[in-house]
Amino acid sequence: MKWTSMLAIYVLFWAFSVFLVLPWGVRTTHEAGGSFVAGQAESAPHEFRLARLAGRVTIVATLLFGLFVANYHFGWVTPRMLDLFDREAVYNAQ
């Protein structure tokens, strides 16, 4: 696999990992004991720490990407294993 393809796939893993990591450790203003700002939603996080989020996302994305590359190299799960309709059997029957 080319390094450019690997970089593009890693960026996709990173972007999807944001949605996995975003709810971890979120505390609302009510839970943190702070005061609400006018117009603030009750479910809004008390503090948003971008650096902490980026670090967590990078760790999760790197682990998932490592599993992806290992699967690519060792072939643990192949497209043929995931073929629910067994197209090859259909083609051989004709």
PDB file of N, CA and C in Angstrom:
ATOM      1  N   MET A   1       0.855  -1.167   0.000  1.00  0.00           N
ATOM      2  CA  MET A   1       0.000   0.000   0.000  1.00  0.00           C
ATOM      3  C   MET A   1       0.905   1.236   0.000  1.00  0.00           C
ATOM      4  N   LYS A   2       0.535   2.215  -0.809  1.00  0.00           N
ATOM      5  CA  LYS A   2       1.318   3.443  -0.898  1.00  0.00           C
ATOM      6  C   LYS A   2       1.161   4.256   0.386  1.00  0.00           C
ATOM      7  N   TRP A   3       2.177   5.062   0.690  1.00  0.00           N
ATOM      8  CA  TRP A   3       2.131   5.870   1.908  1.00  0.00           C
ATOM      9  C   TRP A   3       1.035   6.924   1.824  1.00  0.00           C
ATOM     10  N   THR A   4       0.736   7.401   0.608  1.00  0.00           N
ATOM     11  CA  THR A   4      -0.318   8.402   0.473  1.00  0.00           C
ATOM     12  C   THR A   4      -1.688   7.799   0.778  1.00  0.00           C
ATOM     13  N   SER A   5      -1.881   6.549   0.376  1.00  0.00           N
ATOM     14  CA  SER A   5      -3.133   5.858   0.697  1.00  0.00           C
ATOM     15  C   SER A   5      -3.247   5.637   2.200  1.00  0.00           C
ATOM     16  N   MET A   6      -2.136   5.258   2.816  1.00  0.00           N
ATOM     17  CA  MET A   6      -2.141   5.052   4.263  1.00  0.00           C
ATOM     18  C   MET A   6      -2.443   6.352   5.003  1.00  0.00           C
ATOM     19  N   LEU A   7      -1.881   7.459   4.527  1.00  0.00           N
ATOM     20  CA  LEU A   7      -2.142   8.759   5.151  1.00  0.00           C
ATOM     21  C   LEU A   7      -3.617   9.130   5.023  1.00  0.00           C
ATOM     22  N   ALA A   8      -4.189   8.932   3.837  1.00  0.00           N
ATOM     23  CA  ALA A   8      -5.606   9.252   3.630  1.00  0.00           C
ATOM     24  C   ALA A   8      -6.501   8.395   4.522  1.00  0.00           C
ATOM     25  N   ILE A   9      -6.185   7.117   4.656  1.00  0.00           N
ATOM     26  CA  ILE A   9      -6.981   6.232   5.508  1.00  0.00           C
ATOM     27  C   ILE A   9      -6.828   6.635   6.966  1.00  0.00           C
ATOM     28  N   TYR A  10      -5.613   7.017   7.381  1.00  0.00           N
ATOM     29  CA  TYR A  10      -5.418   7.471   8.764  1.00  0.00           C
ATOM     30  C   TYR A  10      -6.240   8.728   9.056  1.00  0.00           C
ATOM     31  N   VAL A  11      -6.274   9.654   8.105  1.00  0.00           N
ATOM     32  CA  VAL A  11      -7.072  10.867   8.293  1.00  0.00           C
ATOM     33  C   VAL A  11      -8.544  10.509   8.448  1.00  0.00           C
ATOM     34  N   LEU A  12      -9.028   9.547   7.680  1.00  0.00           N
ATOM     35  CA  LEU A  12     -10.418   9.093   7.835  1.00  0.00           C
ATOM     36  C   LEU A  12     -10.648   8.474   9.212  1.00  0.00           C
ATOM     37  N   PHE A  13      -9.717   7.638   9.656  1.00  0.00           N
ATOM     38  CA  PHE A  13      -9.832   7.057  11.000  1.00  0.00           C
ATOM     39  C   PHE A  13      -9.839   8.154  12.062  1.00  0.00           C
ATOM     40  N   TRP A  14      -9.014   9.176  11.877  1.00  0.00           N
ATOM     41  CA  TRP A  14      -8.939  10.276  12.842  1.00  0.00           C
ATOM     42  C   TRP A  14     -10.267  11.029  12.879  1.00  0.00           C
ATOM     43  N   ALA A  15     -10.819  11.308  11.700  1.00  0.00           N
ATOM     44  CA  ALA A  15     -12.075  12.062  11.633  1.00  0.00           C
ATOM     45  C   ALA A  15     -13.229  11.270  12.258  1.00  0.00           C
ATOM     46  N   PHE A  16     -13.287   9.979  12.011  1.00  0.00           N
ATOM     47  CA  PHE A  16     -14.352   9.161  12.596  1.00  0.00           C
ATOM     48  C   PHE A  16     -14.147   8.979  14.099  1.00  0.00           C
ATOM     49  N   SER A  17     -12.904   8.956  14.538  1.00  0.00           N
ATOM     50  CA  SER A  17     -12.624   8.788  15.961  1.00  0.00           C
ATOM     51  C   SER A  17     -13.070   9.988  16.781  1.00  0.00           C
ATOM     52  N   VAL A  18     -13.148  11.153  16.157  1.00  0.00           N
ATOM     53  CA  VAL A  18     -13.642  12.337  16.867  1.00  0.00           C
ATOM     54  C   VAL A  18     -15.039  12.053  17.424  1.00  0.00           C
ATOM     55  N   PHE A  19     -15.884  11.427  16.616  1.00  0.00           N
ATOM     56  CA  PHE A  19     -17.248  11.152  17.046  1.00  0.00           C
ATOM     57  C   PHE A  19     -17.305  10.066  18.130  1.00  0.00           C
ATOM     58  N   LEU A  20     -16.311   9.187  18.157  1.00  0.00           N
ATOM     59  CA  LEU A  20     -16.253   8.174  19.214  1.00  0.00           C
ATOM     60  C   LEU A  20     -15.807   8.777  20.539  1.00  0.00           C
ATOM     61  N   VAL A  21     -14.861   9.698  20.488  1.00  0.00           N
ATOM     62  CA  VAL A  21     -14.208  10.229  21.684  1.00  0.00           C
ATOM     63  C   VAL A  21     -14.937  11.446  22.253  1.00  0.00           C
ATOM     64  N   LEU A  22     -15.646  12.172  21.431  1.00  0.00           N
ATOM     65  CA  LEU A  22     -16.256  13.435  21.851  1.00  0.00           C
ATOM     66  C   LEU A  22     -17.089  13.339  23.132  1.00  0.00           C
ATOM     67  N   PRO A  23     -17.901  12.322  23.340  1.00  0.00           N
ATOM     68  CA  PRO A  23     -18.702  12.294  24.570  1.00  0.00           C
ATOM     69  C   PRO A  23     -17.957  11.835  25.832  1.00  0.00           C
ATOM     70  N   TRP A  24     -16.719  11.370  25.722  1.00  0.00           N
ATOM     71  CA  TRP A  24     -15.987  10.867  26.888  1.00  0.00           C
ATOM     72  C   TRP A  24     -15.689  11.985  27.868  1.00  0.00           C
ATOM     73  N   GLY A  25     -16.079  11.812  29.098  1.00  0.00           N
ATOM     74  CA  GLY A  25     -15.716  12.729  30.160  1.00  0.00           C
ATOM     75  C   GLY A  25     -16.383  14.087  30.107  1.00  0.00           C
ATOM     76  N   VAL A  26     -17.468  14.215  29.373  1.00  0.00           N
ATOM     77  CA  VAL A  26     -18.146  15.508  29.268  1.00  0.00           C
ATOM     78  C   VAL A  26     -18.957  15.752  30.539  1.00  0.00           C
ATOM     79  N   ARG A  27     -18.785  16.931  31.114  1.00  0.00           N
ATOM     80  CA  ARG A  27     -19.561  17.339  32.285  1.00  0.00           C
ATOM     81  C   ARG A  27     -20.304  18.614  31.934  1.00  0.00           C
ATOM     82  N   THR A  28     -21.589  18.644  32.225  1.00  0.00           N
ATOM     83  CA  THR A  28     -22.368  19.847  31.962  1.00  0.00           C
ATOM     84  C   THR A  28     -22.071  20.884  33.037  1.00  0.00           C
ATOM     85  N   THR A  29     -22.539  22.091  32.810  1.00  0.00           N
ATOM     86  CA  THR A  29     -22.331  23.164  33.781  1.00  0.00           C
ATOM     87  C   THR A  29     -23.014  22.823  35.098  1.00  0.00           C
ATOM     88  N   HIS A  30     -24.172  22.192  35.024  1.00  0.00           N
ATOM     89  CA  HIS A  30     -24.887  21.789  36.239  1.00  0.00           C
ATOM     90  C   HIS A  30     -24.070  20.760  37.026  1.00  0.00           C
ATOM     91  N   GLU A  31     -23.491  19.777  36.337  1.00  0.00           N
ATOM     92  CA  GLU A  31     -22.678  18.751  36.999  1.00  0.00           C
ATOM     93  C   GLU A  31     -21.400  19.343  37.591  1.00  0.00           C
ATOM     94  N   ALA A  32     -20.846  20.343  36.922  1.00  0.00           N
ATOM     95  CA  ALA A  32     -19.603  20.958  37.389  1.00  0.00           C
ATOM     96  C   ALA A  32     -19.857  21.991  38.484  1.00  0.00           C
ATOM     97  N   GLY A  33     -21.120  22.352  38.702  1.00  0.00           N
ATOM     98  CA  GLY A  33     -21.444  23.312  39.739  1.00  0.00           C
ATOM     99  C   GLY A  33     -21.206  24.752  39.343  1.00  0.00           C
ATOM    100  N   GLY A  34     -21.148  25.016  38.041  1.00  0.00           N
ATOM    101  CA  GLY A  34     -20.920  26.377  37.563  1.00  0.00           C
ATOM    102  C   GLY A  34     -22.222  27.128  37.350  1.00  0.00           C
ATOM    103  N   SER A  35     -22.082  28.362  36.931  1.00  0.00           N
ATOM    104  CA  SER A  35     -23.271  29.180  36.659  1.00  0.00           C
ATOM    105  C   SER A  35     -23.514  29.215  35.154  1.00  0.00           C
ATOM    106  N   PHE A  36     -24.782  29.203  34.787  1.00  0.00           N
ATOM    107  CA  PHE A  36     -25.158  29.202  33.378  1.00  0.00           C
ATOM    108  C   PHE A  36     -25.001  30.587  32.764  1.00  0.00           C
ATOM    109  N   VAL A  37     -24.655  30.607  31.492  1.00  0.00           N
ATOM    110  CA  VAL A  37     -24.592  31.829  30.706  1.00  0.00           C
ATOM    111  C   VAL A  37     -25.950  31.965  30.012  1.00  0.00           C
ATOM    112  N   ALA A  38     -26.413  33.179  29.835  1.00  0.00           N
ATOM    113  CA  ALA A  38     -27.711  33.386  29.184  1.00  0.00           C
ATOM    114  C   ALA A  38     -27.717  32.760  27.794  1.00  0.00           C
ATOM    115  N   GLY A  39     -28.743  31.951  27.520  1.00  0.00           N
ATOM    116  CA  GLY A  39     -28.871  31.293  26.220  1.00  0.00           C
ATOM    117  C   GLY A  39     -28.131  29.974  26.111  1.00  0.00           C
ATOM    118  N   GLN A  40     -27.453  29.557  27.146  1.00  0.00           N
ATOM    119  CA  GLN A  40     -26.685  28.314  27.127  1.00  0.00           C
ATOM    120  C   GLN A  40     -27.624  27.121  27.289  1.00  0.00           C
ATOM    121  N   ALA A  41     -27.422  26.099  26.494  1.00  0.00           N
ATOM    122  CA  ALA A  41     -28.207  24.877  26.626  1.00  0.00           C
ATOM    123  C   ALA A  41     -27.776  24.139  27.886  1.00  0.00           C
ATOM    124  N   GLU A  42     -28.716  23.460  28.523  1.00  0.00           N
ATOM    125  CA  GLU A  42     -28.386  22.726  29.751  1.00  0.00           C
ATOM    126  C   GLU A  42     -27.429  21.572  29.487  1.00  0.00           C
ATOM    127  N   SER A  43     -27.451  21.046  28.268  1.00  0.00           N
ATOM    128  CA  SER A  43     -26.598  19.905  27.930  1.00  0.00           C
ATOM    129  C   SER A  43     -25.219  20.321  27.416  1.00  0.00           C
ATOM    130  N   ALA A  44     -24.955  21.615  27.330  1.00  0.00           N
ATOM    131  CA  ALA A  44     -23.660  22.081  26.824  1.00  0.00           C
ATOM    132  C   ALA A  44     -22.544  21.741  27.809  1.00  0.00           C
ATOM    133  N   PRO A  45     -21.358  21.361  27.298  1.00  0.00           N
ATOM    134  CA  PRO A  45     -20.252  21.059  28.199  1.00  0.00           C
ATOM    135  C   PRO A  45     -19.794  22.303  28.959  1.00  0.00           C
ATOM    136  N   HIS A  46     -19.338  22.065  30.193  1.00  0.00           N
ATOM    137  CA  HIS A  46     -18.860  23.177  31.018  1.00  0.00           C
ATOM    138  C   HIS A  46     -17.574  23.763  30.454  1.00  0.00           C
ATOM    139  N   GLU A  47     -16.631  22.891  30.098  1.00  0.00           N
ATOM    140  CA  GLU A  47     -15.364  23.319  29.505  1.00  0.00           C
ATOM    141  C   GLU A  47     -15.079  22.458  28.287  1.00  0.00           C
ATOM    142  N   PHE A  48     -14.570  23.071  27.246  1.00  0.00           N
ATOM    143  CA  PHE A  48     -14.173  22.339  26.045  1.00  0.00           C
ATOM    144  C   PHE A  48     -12.665  22.441  25.923  1.00  0.00           C
ATOM    145  N   ARG A  49     -11.983  21.319  26.051  1.00  0.00           N
ATOM    146  CA  ARG A  49     -10.512  21.288  25.991  1.00  0.00           C
ATOM    147  C   ARG A  49     -10.084  20.623  24.686  1.00  0.00           C
ATOM    148  N   LEU A  50      -9.748  21.434  23.720  1.00  0.00           N
ATOM    149  CA  LEU A  50      -9.408  20.944  22.388  1.00  0.00           C
ATOM    150  C   LEU A  50      -8.147  20.081  22.393  1.00  0.00           C
ATOM    151  N   ALA A  51      -7.146  20.478  23.155  1.00  0.00           N
ATOM    152  CA  ALA A  51      -5.887  19.720  23.184  1.00  0.00           C
ATOM    153  C   ALA A  51      -6.099  18.320  23.755  1.00  0.00           C
ATOM    154  N   ARG A  52      -6.882  18.217  24.813  1.00  0.00           N
ATOM    155  CA  ARG A  52      -7.161  16.905  25.411  1.00  0.00           C
ATOM    156  C   ARG A  52      -7.951  16.039  24.427  1.00  0.00           C
ATOM    157  N   LEU A  53      -8.933  16.647  23.765  1.00  0.00           N
ATOM    158  CA  LEU A  53      -9.730  15.913  22.783  1.00  0.00           C
ATOM    159  C   LEU A  53      -8.859  15.427  21.629  1.00  0.00           C
ATOM    160  N   ALA A  54      -7.999  16.291  21.111  1.00  0.00           N
ATOM    161  CA  ALA A  54      -7.120  15.915  20.003  1.00  0.00           C
ATOM    162  C   ALA A  54      -6.168  14.791  20.406  1.00  0.00           C
ATOM    163  N   GLY A  55      -5.665  14.829  21.624  1.00  0.00           N
ATOM    164  CA  GLY A  55      -4.791  13.756  22.094  1.00  0.00           C
ATOM    165  C   GLY A  55      -5.506  12.427  22.186  1.00  0.00           C
ATOM    166  N   ARG A  56      -6.705  12.446  22.761  1.00  0.00           N
ATOM    167  CA  ARG A  56      -7.488  11.210  22.868  1.00  0.00           C
ATOM    168  C   ARG A  56      -7.852  10.660  21.490  1.00  0.00           C
ATOM    169  N   VAL A  57      -8.246  11.557  20.598  1.00  0.00           N
ATOM    170  CA  VAL A  57      -8.626  11.136  19.247  1.00  0.00           C
ATOM    171  C   VAL A  57      -7.424  10.533  18.530  1.00  0.00           C
ATOM    172  N   THR A  58      -6.266  11.129  18.687  1.00  0.00           N
ATOM    173  CA  THR A  58      -5.060  10.616  18.038  1.00  0.00           C
ATOM    174  C   THR A  58      -4.716   9.225  18.547  1.00  0.00           C
ATOM    175  N   ILE A  59      -4.845   9.004  19.848  1.00  0.00           N
ATOM    176  CA  ILE A  59      -4.554   7.681  20.410  1.00  0.00           C
ATOM    177  C   ILE A  59      -5.530   6.637  19.866  1.00  0.00           C
ATOM    178  N   VAL A  60      -6.826   6.943  19.888  1.00  0.00           N
ATOM    179  CA  VAL A  60      -7.834   5.988  19.406  1.00  0.00           C
ATOM    180  C   VAL A  60      -7.659   5.729  17.913  1.00  0.00           C
ATOM    181  N   ALA A  61      -7.444   6.789  17.135  1.00  0.00           N
ATOM    182  CA  ALA A  61      -7.278   6.629  15.691  1.00  0.00           C
ATOM    183  C   ALA A  61      -6.032   5.810  15.364  1.00  0.00           C
ATOM    184  N   THR A  62      -4.955   6.023  16.108  1.00  0.00           N
ATOM    185  CA  THR A  62      -3.725   5.273  15.868  1.00  0.00           C
ATOM    186  C   THR A  62      -3.913   3.795  16.182  1.00  0.00           C
ATOM    187  N   LEU A  63      -4.607   3.486  17.274  1.00  0.00           N
ATOM    188  CA  LEU A  63      -4.876   2.082  17.603  1.00  0.00           C
ATOM    189  C   LEU A  63      -5.747   1.414  16.540  1.00  0.00           C
ATOM    190  N   LEU A  64      -6.818   2.087  16.126  1.00  0.00           N
ATOM    191  CA  LEU A  64      -7.693   1.518  15.098  1.00  0.00           C
ATOM    192  C   LEU A  64      -6.966   1.371  13.762  1.00  0.00           C
ATOM    193  N   PHE A  65      -6.151   2.363  13.414  1.00  0.00           N
ATOM    194  CA  PHE A  65      -5.392   2.283  12.171  1.00  0.00           C
ATOM    195  C   PHE A  65      -4.366   1.150  12.235  1.00  0.00           C
ATOM    196  N   GLY A  66      -3.763   0.957  13.399  1.00  0.00           N
ATOM    197  CA  GLY A  66      -2.830  -0.159  13.566  1.00  0.00           C
ATOM    198  C   GLY A  66      -3.514  -1.495  13.346  1.00  0.00           C
ATOM    199  N   LEU A  67      -4.722  -1.643  13.864  1.00  0.00           N
ATOM    200  CA  LEU A  67      -5.490  -2.871  13.615  1.00  0.00           C
ATOM    201  C   LEU A  67      -5.817  -3.029  12.132  1.00  0.00           C
ATOM    202  N   PHE A  68      -6.159  -1.914  11.486  1.00  0.00           N
ATOM    203  CA  PHE A  68      -6.454  -1.952  10.051  1.00  0.00           C
ATOM    204  C   PHE A  68      -5.239  -2.419   9.248  1.00  0.00           C
ATOM    205  N   VAL A  69      -4.071  -1.860   9.535  1.00  0.00           N
ATOM    206  CA  VAL A  69      -2.853  -2.218   8.801  1.00  0.00           C
ATOM    207  C   VAL A  69      -2.470  -3.676   9.085  1.00  0.00           C
ATOM    208  N   ALA A  70      -2.620  -4.097  10.339  1.00  0.00           N
ATOM    209  CA  ALA A  70      -2.319  -5.500  10.670  1.00  0.00           C
ATOM    210  C   ALA A  70      -3.267  -6.437   9.925  1.00  0.00           C
ATOM    211  N   ASN A  71      -4.532  -6.085   9.843  1.00  0.00           N
ATOM    212  CA  ASN A  71      -5.479  -6.903   9.093  1.00  0.00           C
ATOM    213  C   ASN A  71      -5.134  -6.913   7.611  1.00  0.00           C
ATOM    214  N   TYR A  72      -4.708  -5.779   7.084  1.00  0.00           N
ATOM    215  CA  TYR A  72      -4.294  -5.699   5.676  1.00  0.00           C
ATOM    216  C   TYR A  72      -3.097  -6.615   5.421  1.00  0.00           C
ATOM    217  N   HIS A  73      -2.174  -6.631   6.353  1.00  0.00           N
ATOM    218  CA  HIS A  73      -0.955  -7.429   6.187  1.00  0.00           C
ATOM    219  C   HIS A  73      -1.208  -8.925   6.390  1.00  0.00           C
ATOM    220  N   PHE A  74      -1.942  -9.275   7.448  1.00  0.00           N
ATOM    221  CA  PHE A  74      -2.128 -10.689   7.789  1.00  0.00           C
ATOM    222  C   PHE A  74      -3.402 -11.304   7.211  1.00  0.00           C
ATOM    223  N   GLY A  75      -4.342 -10.493   6.758  1.00  0.00           N
ATOM    224  CA  GLY A  75      -5.549 -11.010   6.121  1.00  0.00           C
ATOM    225  C   GLY A  75      -6.501 -11.710   7.066  1.00  0.00           C
ATOM    226  N   TRP A  76      -6.682 -11.180   8.261  1.00  0.00           N
ATOM    227  CA  TRP A  76      -7.596 -11.800   9.222  1.00  0.00           C
ATOM    228  C   TRP A  76      -9.034 -11.783   8.722  1.00  0.00           C
ATOM    229  N   VAL A  77      -9.465 -10.640   8.204  1.00  0.00           N
ATOM    230  CA  VAL A  77     -10.816 -10.504   7.668  1.00  0.00           C
ATOM    231  C   VAL A  77     -10.679 -10.033   6.229  1.00  0.00           C
ATOM    232  N   THR A  78     -11.222 -10.805   5.295  1.00  0.00           N
ATOM    233  CA  THR A  78     -11.130 -10.473   3.884  1.00  0.00           C
ATOM    234  C   THR A  78     -12.513 -10.123   3.344  1.00  0.00           C
ATOM    235  N   PRO A  79     -12.587  -9.460   2.201  1.00  0.00           N
ATOM    236  CA  PRO A  79     -13.892  -9.157   1.614  1.00  0.00           C
ATOM    237  C   PRO A  79     -14.712 -10.414   1.328  1.00  0.00           C
ATOM    238  N   ARG A  80     -14.040 -11.497   0.992  1.00  0.00           N
ATOM    239  CA  ARG A  80     -14.755 -12.756   0.711  1.00  0.00           C
ATOM    240  C   ARG A  80     -15.463 -13.276   1.968  1.00  0.00           C
ATOM    241  N   MET A  81     -14.867 -13.067   3.143  1.00  0.00           N
ATOM    242  CA  MET A  81     -15.500 -13.495   4.395  1.00  0.00           C
ATOM    243  C   MET A  81     -16.767 -12.700   4.687  1.00  0.00           C
ATOM    244  N   LEU A  82     -16.813 -11.480   4.200  1.00  0.00           N
ATOM    245  CA  LEU A  82     -17.947 -10.607   4.468  1.00  0.00           C
ATOM    246  C   LEU A  82     -19.012 -10.653   3.372  1.00  0.00           C
ATOM    247  N   ASP A  83     -18.811 -11.476   2.349  1.00  0.00           N
ATOM    248  CA  ASP A  83     -19.768 -11.590   1.252  1.00  0.00           C
ATOM    249  C   ASP A  83     -20.978 -12.397   1.727  1.00  0.00           C
ATOM    250  N   LEU A  84     -22.051 -11.694   2.027  1.00  0.00           N
ATOM    251  CA  LEU A  84     -23.243 -12.349   2.564  1.00  0.00           C
ATOM    252  C   LEU A  84     -24.051 -13.069   1.509  1.00  0.00           C
ATOM    253  N   PHE A  85     -23.845 -12.737   0.253  1.00  0.00           N
ATOM    254  CA  PHE A  85     -24.663 -13.311  -0.807  1.00  0.00           C
ATOM    255  C   PHE A  85     -23.937 -14.400  -1.587  1.00  0.00           C
ATOM    256  N   ASP A  86     -22.696 -14.694  -1.246  1.00  0.00           N
ATOM    257  CA  ASP A  86     -21.892 -15.750  -1.878  1.00  0.00           C
ATOM    258  C   ASP A  86     -21.992 -15.659  -3.400  1.00  0.00           C
ATOM    259  N   ARG A  87     -21.532 -14.554  -3.947  1.00  0.00           N
ATOM    260  CA  ARG A  87     -21.638 -14.296  -5.388  1.00  0.00           C
ATOM    261  C   ARG A  87     -20.888 -15.327  -6.219  1.00  0.00           C
ATOM    262  N   GLU A  88     -19.790 -15.855  -5.696  1.00  0.00           N
ATOM    263  CA  GLU A  88     -19.021 -16.833  -6.472  1.00  0.00           C
ATOM    264  C   GLU A  88     -19.842 -18.092  -6.718  1.00  0.00           C
ATOM    265  N   ALA A  89     -20.599 -18.521  -5.736  1.00  0.00           N
ATOM    266  CA  ALA A  89     -21.452 -19.697  -5.919  1.00  0.00           C
ATOM    267  C   ALA A  89     -22.528 -19.408  -6.977  1.00  0.00           C
ATOM    268  N   VAL A  90     -23.019 -18.189  -7.009  1.00  0.00           N
ATOM    269  CA  VAL A  90     -24.030 -17.810  -8.013  1.00  0.00           C
ATOM    270  C   VAL A  90     -23.406 -17.847  -9.412  1.00  0.00           C
ATOM    271  N   TYR A  91     -22.183 -17.326  -9.549  1.00  0.00           N
ATOM    272  CA  TYR A  91     -21.529 -17.315 -10.848  1.00  0.00           C
ATOM    273  C   TYR A  91     -21.193 -18.734 -11.328  1.00  0.00           C
ATOM    274  N   ASN A  92     -20.798 -19.614 -10.410  1.00  0.00           N
ATOM    275  CA  ASN A  92     -20.451 -20.989 -10.779  1.00  0.00           C
ATOM    276  C   ASN A  92     -21.682 -21.809 -11.161  1.00  0.00           C
ATOM    277  N   ALA A  93     -22.834 -21.450 -10.670  1.00  0.00           N
ATOM    278  CA  ALA A  93     -24.064 -22.201 -10.960  1.00  0.00           C
ATOM    279  C   ALA A  93     -24.582 -21.909 -12.372  1.00  0.00           C
ATOM    280  N   GLN A  94     -24.164 -20.800 -12.980  1.00  0.00           N
ATOM    281  CA  GLN A  94     -24.679 -20.441 -14.310  1.00  0.00           C
ATOM    282  C   GLN A  94     -23.941 -21.120 -15.402  1.00  0.00           C
TER     283      GLN A  94
END
